[in-house]
Each structure stands twice: as C-alpha cells, then as structure tokens.
C-alpha cells in the first residue's frame, strides 16, 4: 500500500476552492520511513539517513519561506498510542501550523526554493495527513 505523501489533484483543487484570505490551521500527522527514500541524483541519496533525519532537513531548509509567508507552529505533540481508530494508523509526528491565510500557504508551496526543500519531506514520509482547519475560539464543551 502506498501512503499519502502529496495531495491528489482533486484534494488540492478542493483546498484552493475555499476562501484564500482567511487564517488557517493545518493539522499535520506524519508517519516516517525508517530510512529516507531519496531518489537517485539527489545529493542525499545513499547516505543512509533516517526518515527523521530527512524530515528535520525539510524543517530546516523550508523554515525561511515558512516564516516569510507568516507561518508558525502553534501546537506540537508526541503521538503515543491510538485510542480510537485503526491501530496501524500510528503517527511519529503531530503538529499544527498556522498560516495568516490560505493564500500564504499556497505562496509557500509554489515557491521555487520550497519546491526543492520539499524533496526532503517526500524522502522522509511514509504516510501523512494534512488537514486544513478554520481556527475558532474553543467553547466550554466538546463540539462547541
């Protein structure tokens, strides 16, 4: 089975069809490859890097464009156990990134430098979920 690493065309089109001028949160759930899967020709191919090494390289190299578009990490947690849901959907990393607008996210992912940096992410990730969320003020109870 192939994991979800990059959005499908219809998923990306659905993202782009929503308002672009509102702040968004992006929930990221990441399952890493044991060993990074860099393609032949990439400078890190054959270096025996772990998926975590490659994901950290993605974070370091993409940090400038992430910050430039106004992005910031607003929550991070270490997944420990799946309590409800398929037990094979265990995650190595979980975080929420804030963007001042969906347009800022689109600016980031289409930036030529970022398009090079994302190759580290593609080498690192076995499976992932990236979920766009509309920020809201929390209520007193669940679902409010």
C-alpha atoms as a PDB file:
ATOM      1  CA  UNK A   1       0.000   0.000   0.000  1.00  0.00           C
ATOM      2  CA  UNK A   2       1.268   3.456  -0.887  1.00  0.00           C
ATOM      3  CA  UNK A   3       0.945   6.150   1.741  1.00  0.00           C
ATOM      4  CA  UNK A   4      -0.379   9.659   1.307  1.00  0.00           C
ATOM      5  CA  UNK A   5       2.602  11.952   0.834  1.00  0.00           C
ATOM      6  CA  UNK A   6       1.462  14.706  -1.541  1.00  0.00           C
ATOM      7  CA  UNK A   7      -2.116  15.908  -2.178  1.00  0.00           C
ATOM      8  CA  UNK A   8      -4.069  14.451  -5.057  1.00  0.00           C
ATOM      9  CA  UNK A   9      -5.114  16.948  -7.746  1.00  0.00           C
ATOM     10  CA  UNK A  10      -8.778  16.879  -6.603  1.00  0.00           C
ATOM     11  CA  UNK A  11      -7.748  17.423  -2.965  1.00  0.00           C
ATOM     12  CA  UNK A  12      -5.578  20.391  -3.926  1.00  0.00           C
ATOM     13  CA  UNK A  13      -8.415  21.811  -6.048  1.00  0.00           C
ATOM     14  CA  UNK A  14     -10.821  21.460  -3.085  1.00  0.00           C
ATOM     15  CA  UNK A  15      -8.301  23.333  -0.900  1.00  0.00           C
ATOM     16  CA  UNK A  16      -7.995  26.112  -3.486  1.00  0.00           C
ATOM     17  CA  UNK A  17     -11.790  26.407  -3.812  1.00  0.00           C
ATOM     18  CA  UNK A  18     -12.115  27.536  -0.169  1.00  0.00           C
ATOM     19  CA  UNK A  19     -11.548  31.169   0.870  1.00  0.00           C
ATOM     20  CA  UNK A  20      -7.919  32.208   0.471  1.00  0.00           C
ATOM     21  CA  UNK A  21      -7.974  35.378   2.594  1.00  0.00           C
ATOM     22  CA  UNK A  22      -8.753  33.809   5.996  1.00  0.00           C
ATOM     23  CA  UNK A  23      -6.314  32.404   8.573  1.00  0.00           C
ATOM     24  CA  UNK A  24      -5.975  28.636   8.579  1.00  0.00           C
ATOM     25  CA  UNK A  25      -4.525  25.925  10.764  1.00  0.00           C
ATOM     26  CA  UNK A  26      -3.026  22.855   9.136  1.00  0.00           C
ATOM     27  CA  UNK A  27      -3.108  19.662  11.183  1.00  0.00           C
ATOM     28  CA  UNK A  28      -0.111  17.511  10.242  1.00  0.00           C
ATOM     29  CA  UNK A  29       0.088  13.817  11.137  1.00  0.00           C
ATOM     30  CA  UNK A  30       3.293  12.211   9.893  1.00  0.00           C
ATOM     31  CA  UNK A  31       4.471   8.587   9.731  1.00  0.00           C
ATOM     32  CA  UNK A  32       8.132   8.414   8.788  1.00  0.00           C
ATOM     33  CA  UNK A  33      10.072   5.972   6.675  1.00  0.00           C
ATOM     34  CA  UNK A  34      12.613   4.049   8.700  1.00  0.00           C
ATOM     35  CA  UNK A  35      15.194   5.084   6.089  1.00  0.00           C
ATOM     36  CA  UNK A  36      14.879   8.192   3.914  1.00  0.00           C
ATOM     37  CA  UNK A  37      13.886   7.383   0.335  1.00  0.00           C
ATOM     38  CA  UNK A  38      15.792   9.966  -1.705  1.00  0.00           C
ATOM     39  CA  UNK A  39      15.692   9.420  -5.470  1.00  0.00           C
ATOM     40  CA  UNK A  40      18.868   8.761  -7.435  1.00  0.00           C
ATOM     41  CA  UNK A  41      20.528  12.028  -8.315  1.00  0.00           C
ATOM     42  CA  UNK A  42      19.542  13.775  -5.060  1.00  0.00           C
ATOM     43  CA  UNK A  43      22.631  14.830  -3.034  1.00  0.00           C
ATOM     44  CA  UNK A  44      21.377  12.813  -0.028  1.00  0.00           C
ATOM     45  CA  UNK A  45      20.691   9.602  -1.975  1.00  0.00           C
ATOM     46  CA  UNK A  46      22.591   6.656  -0.498  1.00  0.00           C
ATOM     47  CA  UNK A  47      23.644   8.486   2.676  1.00  0.00           C
ATOM     48  CA  UNK A  48      21.709   6.057   4.925  1.00  0.00           C
ATOM     49  CA  UNK A  49      19.699   8.876   6.553  1.00  0.00           C
ATOM     50  CA  UNK A  50      16.665   8.051   8.650  1.00  0.00           C
ATOM     51  CA  UNK A  51      13.208   9.366   7.812  1.00  0.00           C
ATOM     52  CA  UNK A  52      13.501  11.623  10.860  1.00  0.00           C
ATOM     53  CA  UNK A  53      16.832  12.980   9.605  1.00  0.00           C
ATOM     54  CA  UNK A  54      15.204  13.820   6.261  1.00  0.00           C
ATOM     55  CA  UNK A  55      12.145  15.391   7.893  1.00  0.00           C
ATOM     56  CA  UNK A  56      14.354  17.561  10.084  1.00  0.00           C
ATOM     57  CA  UNK A  57      16.269  18.622   6.951  1.00  0.00           C
ATOM     58  CA  UNK A  58      12.903  19.590   5.433  1.00  0.00           C
ATOM     59  CA  UNK A  59      12.113  21.678   8.522  1.00  0.00           C
ATOM     60  CA  UNK A  60      15.487  23.425   8.496  1.00  0.00           C
ATOM     61  CA  UNK A  61      15.591  24.162   4.780  1.00  0.00           C
ATOM     62  CA  UNK A  62      11.962  25.294   4.449  1.00  0.00           C
ATOM     63  CA  UNK A  63      11.970  27.429   7.625  1.00  0.00           C
ATOM     64  CA  UNK A  64      12.827  30.670   5.800  1.00  0.00           C
ATOM     65  CA  UNK A  65       9.906  30.507   3.368  1.00  0.00           C
ATOM     66  CA  UNK A  66       7.537  29.239   6.119  1.00  0.00           C
ATOM     67  CA  UNK A  67       8.412  32.260   8.258  1.00  0.00           C
ATOM     68  CA  UNK A  68       8.375  34.675   5.294  1.00  0.00           C
ATOM     69  CA  UNK A  69       4.743  33.830   4.449  1.00  0.00           C
ATOM     70  CA  UNK A  70       3.764  34.303   8.117  1.00  0.00           C
ATOM     71  CA  UNK A  71       3.610  30.646   9.107  1.00  0.00           C
ATOM     72  CA  UNK A  72       4.356  29.395  12.583  1.00  0.00           C
ATOM     73  CA  UNK A  73       3.938  26.193  14.507  1.00  0.00           C
ATOM     74  CA  UNK A  74       1.203  26.700  17.133  1.00  0.00           C
ATOM     75  CA  UNK A  75       0.972  23.223  18.649  1.00  0.00           C
ATOM     76  CA  UNK A  76       3.176  20.137  18.673  1.00  0.00           C
ATOM     77  CA  UNK A  77       2.745  16.832  20.466  1.00  0.00           C
ATOM     78  CA  UNK A  78       4.363  13.396  20.505  1.00  0.00           C
ATOM     79  CA  UNK A  79       1.849  10.710  19.466  1.00  0.00           C
ATOM     80  CA  UNK A  80       1.912   7.827  21.931  1.00  0.00           C
ATOM     81  CA  UNK A  81      -0.950   5.412  21.209  1.00  0.00           C
ATOM     82  CA  UNK A  82      -4.058   5.244  19.019  1.00  0.00           C
ATOM     83  CA  UNK A  83      -7.003   5.013  21.419  1.00  0.00           C
ATOM     84  CA  UNK A  84      -9.770   5.172  18.807  1.00  0.00           C
ATOM     85  CA  UNK A  85      -9.143   4.241  15.203  1.00  0.00           C
ATOM     86  CA  UNK A  86      -7.043   1.790  13.239  1.00  0.00           C
ATOM     87  CA  UNK A  87      -4.003   0.752  15.254  1.00  0.00           C
ATOM     88  CA  UNK A  88      -1.926   0.729  12.069  1.00  0.00           C
ATOM     89  CA  UNK A  89      -2.505   4.468  11.779  1.00  0.00           C
ATOM     90  CA  UNK A  90       0.128   5.258  14.385  1.00  0.00           C
ATOM     91  CA  UNK A  91       1.948   8.573  13.836  1.00  0.00           C
ATOM     92  CA  UNK A  92       5.517   9.625  14.566  1.00  0.00           C
ATOM     93  CA  UNK A  93       4.920  13.401  14.488  1.00  0.00           C
ATOM     94  CA  UNK A  94       1.873  15.598  15.084  1.00  0.00           C
ATOM     95  CA  UNK A  95       1.702  19.369  14.880  1.00  0.00           C
ATOM     96  CA  UNK A  96      -0.492  22.270  13.850  1.00  0.00           C
ATOM     97  CA  UNK A  97       0.885  25.023  11.644  1.00  0.00           C
ATOM     98  CA  UNK A  98      -0.753  28.466  11.443  1.00  0.00           C
ATOM     99  CA  UNK A  99      -0.875  30.495   8.236  1.00  0.00           C
ATOM    100  CA  UNK A 100      -2.266  34.043   8.117  1.00  0.00           C
ATOM    101  CA  UNK A 101      -4.236  32.966   5.030  1.00  0.00           C
ATOM    102  CA  UNK A 102      -4.686  30.028   2.703  1.00  0.00           C
ATOM    103  CA  UNK A 103      -3.059  32.272   0.119  1.00  0.00           C
ATOM    104  CA  UNK A 104       0.093  32.339   2.280  1.00  0.00           C
ATOM    105  CA  UNK A 105       0.142  28.535   2.309  1.00  0.00           C
ATOM    106  CA  UNK A 106      -0.251  28.485  -1.485  1.00  0.00           C
ATOM    107  CA  UNK A 107       2.565  31.042  -1.797  1.00  0.00           C
ATOM    108  CA  UNK A 108       4.792  28.776   0.273  1.00  0.00           C
ATOM    109  CA  UNK A 109       4.112  25.542  -1.622  1.00  0.00           C
ATOM    110  CA  UNK A 110       4.609  27.211  -5.007  1.00  0.00           C
ATOM    111  CA  UNK A 111       7.844  28.994  -4.017  1.00  0.00           C
ATOM    112  CA  UNK A 112      10.700  27.644  -6.206  1.00  0.00           C
ATOM    113  CA  UNK A 113      13.014  27.204  -3.206  1.00  0.00           C
ATOM    114  CA  UNK A 114      10.345  25.391  -1.221  1.00  0.00           C
ATOM    115  CA  UNK A 115       9.734  23.046  -4.150  1.00  0.00           C
ATOM    116  CA  UNK A 116      13.358  21.916  -3.734  1.00  0.00           C
ATOM    117  CA  UNK A 117      13.156  21.711   0.075  1.00  0.00           C
ATOM    118  CA  UNK A 118      10.002  19.551  -0.045  1.00  0.00           C
ATOM    119  CA  UNK A 119      12.091  16.748  -1.576  1.00  0.00           C
ATOM    120  CA  UNK A 120      13.368  16.093   1.973  1.00  0.00           C
ATOM    121  CA  UNK A 121       9.748  15.684   3.126  1.00  0.00           C
ATOM    122  CA  UNK A 122       8.978  13.335   0.261  1.00  0.00           C
ATOM    123  CA  UNK A 123      12.023  11.216   1.169  1.00  0.00           C
ATOM    124  CA  UNK A 124      11.081  11.210   4.856  1.00  0.00           C
ATOM    125  CA  UNK A 125       7.361  10.441   4.827  1.00  0.00           C
ATOM    126  CA  UNK A 126       5.798   7.006   4.600  1.00  0.00           C
ATOM    127  CA  UNK A 127       2.251   8.298   5.188  1.00  0.00           C
ATOM    128  CA  UNK A 128       0.682  11.565   6.295  1.00  0.00           C
ATOM    129  CA  UNK A 129      -2.486  13.516   6.824  1.00  0.00           C
ATOM    130  CA  UNK A 130      -2.620  17.246   6.189  1.00  0.00           C
ATOM    131  CA  UNK A 131      -5.977  18.698   7.186  1.00  0.00           C
ATOM    132  CA  UNK A 132      -6.958  22.325   6.641  1.00  0.00           C
ATOM    133  CA  UNK A 133      -8.910  23.700   9.601  1.00  0.00           C
ATOM    134  CA  UNK A 134     -10.665  27.011  10.177  1.00  0.00           C
ATOM    135  CA  UNK A 135      -9.469  28.442  13.512  1.00  0.00           C
ATOM    136  CA  UNK A 136     -12.246  29.081  16.036  1.00  0.00           C
ATOM    137  CA  UNK A 137     -12.470  30.070  19.676  1.00  0.00           C
ATOM    138  CA  UNK A 138     -12.975  26.959  21.815  1.00  0.00           C
ATOM    139  CA  UNK A 139     -16.248  26.533  23.681  1.00  0.00           C
ATOM    140  CA  UNK A 140     -16.747  25.051  27.118  1.00  0.00           C
ATOM    141  CA  UNK A 141     -17.754  21.603  25.887  1.00  0.00           C
ATOM    142  CA  UNK A 142     -16.702  19.242  23.149  1.00  0.00           C
ATOM    143  CA  UNK A 143     -18.094  20.230  19.768  1.00  0.00           C
ATOM    144  CA  UNK A 144     -18.838  23.807  20.837  1.00  0.00           C
END
